Amino acid sequence: MIRKSGGDDTDELITKIYEDYKLANPKTEVDKKVVIAALEKVMYQIIRTNVLKTGKRVDGRKMDESAPLPHQLGFYQEPTGVPFFKEALPKLYQLLL
């Protein structure tokens, strides 16, 4: 999960933790994947604890608020006249399921 959207900051953090651990424990072998998994678990726990304490999600919404559905009304270029929702339908399906 971290690797998909973490960016350069997360990569630097993973590298720093990995290198610091290697320096502190030169005789112990550790795989970078273990560091990534541990960091994911810690970050998940921190975020979850923060959400439960503050009652707000990471994006600032309250626990009883749903995410806004982005929409764009328009028509296809062909003369079908069918309105469309750019990204709202998949999110709407998720809310309904």
C-alpha atoms as a PDB file:
ATOM      1  CA  MET A   1       0.000   0.000   0.000  1.00  0.00           C
ATOM      2  CA  ILE A   2       2.750   2.449   0.869  1.00  0.00           C
ATOM      3  CA  ARG A   3       4.714   1.732  -2.281  1.00  0.00           C
ATOM      4  CA  LYS A   4       1.773   2.564  -4.537  1.00  0.00           C
ATOM      5  CA  SER A   5       1.236   6.102  -3.332  1.00  0.00           C
ATOM      6  CA  GLY A   6       4.019   6.835  -0.896  1.00  0.00           C
ATOM      7  CA  GLY A   7       6.251   8.874  -3.135  1.00  0.00           C
ATOM      8  CA  ASP A   8       9.844   9.931  -2.599  1.00  0.00           C
ATOM      9  CA  ASP A   9       9.399  10.799   1.086  1.00  0.00           C
ATOM     10  CA  THR A  10       8.270   7.276   1.909  1.00  0.00           C
ATOM     11  CA  ASP A  11      11.075   5.740  -0.136  1.00  0.00           C
ATOM     12  CA  GLU A  12      13.599   7.881   1.734  1.00  0.00           C
ATOM     13  CA  LEU A  13      12.074   6.900   5.085  1.00  0.00           C
ATOM     14  CA  ILE A  14      12.206   3.194   4.202  1.00  0.00           C
ATOM     15  CA  THR A  15      15.831   3.500   3.072  1.00  0.00           C
ATOM     16  CA  LYS A  16      16.803   5.398   6.238  1.00  0.00           C
ATOM     17  CA  ILE A  17      15.131   2.857   8.540  1.00  0.00           C
ATOM     18  CA  TYR A  18      16.734  -0.007   6.615  1.00  0.00           C
ATOM     19  CA  GLU A  19      20.228   1.521   6.724  1.00  0.00           C
ATOM     20  CA  ASP A  20      19.936   2.513  10.400  1.00  0.00           C
ATOM     21  CA  TYR A  21      18.873  -1.018  11.283  1.00  0.00           C
ATOM     22  CA  LYS A  22      21.786  -2.488   9.327  1.00  0.00           C
ATOM     23  CA  LEU A  23      24.222  -0.205  11.167  1.00  0.00           C
ATOM     24  CA  ALA A  24      22.757  -1.029  14.566  1.00  0.00           C
ATOM     25  CA  ASN A  25      22.597  -4.778  13.846  1.00  0.00           C
ATOM     26  CA  PRO A  26      25.400  -5.612  11.386  1.00  0.00           C
ATOM     27  CA  LYS A  27      25.196  -9.364  11.978  1.00  0.00           C
ATOM     28  CA  THR A  28      21.437  -9.581  11.393  1.00  0.00           C
ATOM     29  CA  GLU A  29      20.087  -9.968   7.881  1.00  0.00           C
ATOM     30  CA  VAL A  30      16.901  -8.049   7.161  1.00  0.00           C
ATOM     31  CA  ASP A  31      14.933  -7.833   3.953  1.00  0.00           C
ATOM     32  CA  LYS A  32      13.711  -4.431   2.817  1.00  0.00           C
ATOM     33  CA  LYS A  33      10.257  -5.967   2.335  1.00  0.00           C
ATOM     34  CA  VAL A  34      10.115  -6.616   6.086  1.00  0.00           C
ATOM     35  CA  VAL A  35      10.867  -2.938   6.742  1.00  0.00           C
ATOM     36  CA  ILE A  36       8.131  -1.907   4.304  1.00  0.00           C
ATOM     37  CA  ALA A  37       5.599  -4.238   5.926  1.00  0.00           C
ATOM     38  CA  ALA A  38       6.497  -3.012   9.419  1.00  0.00           C
ATOM     39  CA  LEU A  39       6.239   0.629   8.339  1.00  0.00           C
ATOM     40  CA  GLU A  40       2.843  -0.014   6.747  1.00  0.00           C
ATOM     41  CA  LYS A  41       1.582  -1.588   9.965  1.00  0.00           C
ATOM     42  CA  VAL A  42       2.858   1.262  12.147  1.00  0.00           C
ATOM     43  CA  MET A  43       1.456   3.928   9.823  1.00  0.00           C
ATOM     44  CA  TYR A  44      -1.907   2.147   9.729  1.00  0.00           C
ATOM     45  CA  GLN A  45      -2.041   1.995  13.522  1.00  0.00           C
ATOM     46  CA  ILE A  46      -1.089   5.675  13.885  1.00  0.00           C
ATOM     47  CA  ILE A  47      -3.678   6.779  11.332  1.00  0.00           C
ATOM     48  CA  ARG A  48      -6.393   4.576  12.858  1.00  0.00           C
ATOM     49  CA  THR A  49      -5.664   5.820  16.382  1.00  0.00           C
ATOM     50  CA  ASN A  50      -5.739   9.430  15.186  1.00  0.00           C
ATOM     51  CA  VAL A  51      -9.055   8.887  13.390  1.00  0.00           C
ATOM     52  CA  LEU A  52     -10.608   7.317  16.478  1.00  0.00           C
ATOM     53  CA  LYS A  53      -9.324  10.063  18.801  1.00  0.00           C
ATOM     54  CA  THR A  54     -10.290  13.044  16.644  1.00  0.00           C
ATOM     55  CA  GLY A  55     -13.370  11.592  14.977  1.00  0.00           C
ATOM     56  CA  LYS A  56     -12.087  12.805  11.625  1.00  0.00           C
ATOM     57  CA  ARG A  57     -10.656  10.890   8.711  1.00  0.00           C
ATOM     58  CA  VAL A  58      -7.343  11.686   7.058  1.00  0.00           C
ATOM     59  CA  ASP A  59      -9.076  13.825   4.415  1.00  0.00           C
ATOM     60  CA  GLY A  60     -10.841  15.891   7.104  1.00  0.00           C
ATOM     61  CA  ARG A  61     -14.307  14.334   6.822  1.00  0.00           C
ATOM     62  CA  LYS A  62     -16.189  13.381   9.965  1.00  0.00           C
ATOM     63  CA  MET A  63     -16.961   9.728  10.515  1.00  0.00           C
ATOM     64  CA  ASP A  64     -20.595  10.162   9.442  1.00  0.00           C
ATOM     65  CA  GLU A  65     -19.788  12.142   6.283  1.00  0.00           C
ATOM     66  CA  SER A  66     -19.423  10.511   2.911  1.00  0.00           C
ATOM     67  CA  ALA A  67     -16.957  11.629   0.283  1.00  0.00           C
ATOM     68  CA  PRO A  68     -18.291  14.100  -2.267  1.00  0.00           C
ATOM     69  CA  LEU A  69     -19.070  12.494  -5.590  1.00  0.00           C
ATOM     70  CA  PRO A  70     -17.317  14.388  -8.361  1.00  0.00           C
ATOM     71  CA  HIS A  71     -19.541  14.694 -11.350  1.00  0.00           C
ATOM     72  CA  GLN A  72     -19.617  16.383 -14.671  1.00  0.00           C
ATOM     73  CA  LEU A  73     -22.755  16.574 -16.675  1.00  0.00           C
ATOM     74  CA  GLY A  74     -22.462  16.604 -20.390  1.00  0.00           C
ATOM     75  CA  PHE A  75     -23.218  14.774 -23.573  1.00  0.00           C
ATOM     76  CA  TYR A  76     -21.248  12.425 -25.733  1.00  0.00           C
ATOM     77  CA  GLN A  77     -19.907  13.874 -28.941  1.00  0.00           C
ATOM     78  CA  GLU A  78     -22.207  11.563 -30.881  1.00  0.00           C
ATOM     79  CA  PRO A  79     -25.823  12.664 -31.042  1.00  0.00           C
ATOM     80  CA  THR A  80     -27.018  10.108 -28.507  1.00  0.00           C
ATOM     81  CA  GLY A  81     -27.843  12.707 -25.860  1.00  0.00           C
ATOM     82  CA  VAL A  82     -26.861  10.407 -23.012  1.00  0.00           C
ATOM     83  CA  PRO A  83     -25.672  12.321 -19.915  1.00  0.00           C
ATOM     84  CA  PHE A  84     -22.698  10.876 -18.123  1.00  0.00           C
ATOM     85  CA  PHE A  85     -21.040  11.044 -14.735  1.00  0.00           C
ATOM     86  CA  LYS A  86     -17.299  11.039 -15.082  1.00  0.00           C
ATOM     87  CA  GLU A  87     -16.269   9.204 -11.915  1.00  0.00           C
ATOM     88  CA  ALA A  88     -19.386   9.226  -9.808  1.00  0.00           C
ATOM     89  CA  LEU A  89     -20.973   5.949 -10.866  1.00  0.00           C
ATOM     90  CA  PRO A  90     -18.250   3.610  -9.547  1.00  0.00           C
ATOM     91  CA  LYS A  91     -18.223   5.497  -6.243  1.00  0.00           C
ATOM     92  CA  LEU A  92     -21.996   5.442  -6.099  1.00  0.00           C
ATOM     93  CA  TYR A  93     -21.964   1.679  -6.589  1.00  0.00           C
ATOM     94  CA  GLN A  94     -19.466   1.372  -3.732  1.00  0.00           C
ATOM     95  CA  LEU A  95     -21.761   3.364  -1.440  1.00  0.00           C
ATOM     96  CA  LEU A  96     -24.735   1.211  -2.341  1.00  0.00           C
ATOM     97  CA  LEU A  97     -22.974  -2.117  -1.829  1.00  0.00           C
END
